[in-house]
């Protein structure tokens, strides 16, 4: 959905991107790469189909993917 705007499950174009709210703790599905709460917080952006409810999660920035790889991989 991120790349096409189309739901892979039902084919709907009625999809939305749910951004992270950077000033709100525990907003969304975050990945934490550090031991301190807000340091190392990497937002996971959600894309939702408003017709069937299918959800995709994405880390959108290459720099954040590198941090995850460094911390976990």
Protein backbone atom coordinates (compact mmCIF):
# COMPACT_ATOMS: atom_id res chain seq x y z
CA UNK A 1 0.00 0.00 0.00
CA UNK A 2 2.86 2.34 0.75
CA UNK A 3 4.12 2.24 -2.81
CA UNK A 4 0.91 1.70 -4.77
CA UNK A 5 -1.85 3.23 -2.63
CA UNK A 6 -3.78 0.02 -3.32
CA UNK A 7 -4.70 -2.66 -0.81
CA UNK A 8 -3.07 -5.99 -1.71
CA UNK A 9 -5.84 -7.91 0.04
CA UNK A 10 -9.04 -6.45 -1.46
CA UNK A 11 -7.75 -4.11 -4.20
CA UNK A 12 -9.31 -0.98 -2.70
CA UNK A 13 -7.78 2.45 -3.27
CA UNK A 14 -9.37 3.68 -0.04
CA UNK A 15 -6.17 3.58 2.05
CA UNK A 16 -4.65 6.01 4.54
CA UNK A 17 -1.20 6.59 5.99
CA UNK A 18 -1.12 6.91 9.79
CA UNK A 19 1.96 8.93 10.74
CA UNK A 20 3.86 8.79 14.01
CA UNK A 21 3.15 11.57 16.49
CA UNK A 22 6.72 12.53 17.52
CA UNK A 23 5.74 14.42 20.69
CA UNK A 24 3.60 11.65 22.13
CA UNK A 25 5.16 8.78 24.03
CA UNK A 26 4.04 5.31 22.89
CA UNK A 27 2.34 6.67 19.79
CA UNK A 28 2.04 3.73 17.44
CA UNK A 29 4.28 0.74 16.93
CA UNK A 30 7.69 2.15 17.68
CA UNK A 31 10.99 0.31 17.66
CA UNK A 32 13.41 1.35 20.40
CA UNK A 33 17.11 0.91 19.69
CA UNK A 34 18.34 2.41 22.97
CA UNK A 35 17.77 1.83 26.66
CA UNK A 36 16.39 5.31 27.30
CA UNK A 37 12.74 5.74 26.37
CA UNK A 38 12.77 8.42 23.68
CA UNK A 39 16.35 8.10 22.55
CA UNK A 40 16.57 5.69 19.68
CA UNK A 41 12.83 5.72 18.98
CA UNK A 42 12.14 4.68 15.40
CA UNK A 43 8.56 5.21 14.24
CA UNK A 44 6.73 2.47 12.40
CA UNK A 45 4.31 4.12 9.99
CA UNK A 46 1.02 2.32 9.38
CA UNK A 47 -0.93 2.12 6.14
CA UNK A 48 -4.55 1.03 6.61
CA UNK A 49 -7.19 -0.09 4.12
CA UNK A 50 -10.43 1.63 5.12
CA UNK A 51 -12.51 -0.99 3.32
CA UNK A 52 -11.23 -4.34 4.63
CA UNK A 53 -9.02 -3.28 7.57
CA UNK A 54 -5.75 -4.70 6.25
CA UNK A 55 -2.71 -2.96 7.82
CA UNK A 56 0.92 -2.69 6.70
CA UNK A 57 3.74 -1.39 8.90
CA UNK A 58 6.74 0.43 7.42
CA UNK A 59 9.98 2.00 8.57
CA UNK A 60 10.32 4.70 5.96
CA UNK A 61 13.82 6.15 6.35
CA UNK A 62 17.01 4.39 5.27
CA UNK A 63 18.90 5.90 8.22
CA UNK A 64 16.37 4.30 10.61
CA UNK A 65 16.74 0.94 8.87
CA UNK A 66 20.51 1.19 9.39
CA UNK A 67 19.98 1.86 13.12
CA UNK A 68 17.74 -1.21 13.39
CA UNK A 69 20.26 -3.34 11.52
CA UNK A 70 23.04 -2.10 13.81
CA UNK A 71 21.05 -2.72 16.99
CA UNK A 72 19.40 -6.04 16.17
CA UNK A 73 20.97 -7.58 13.15
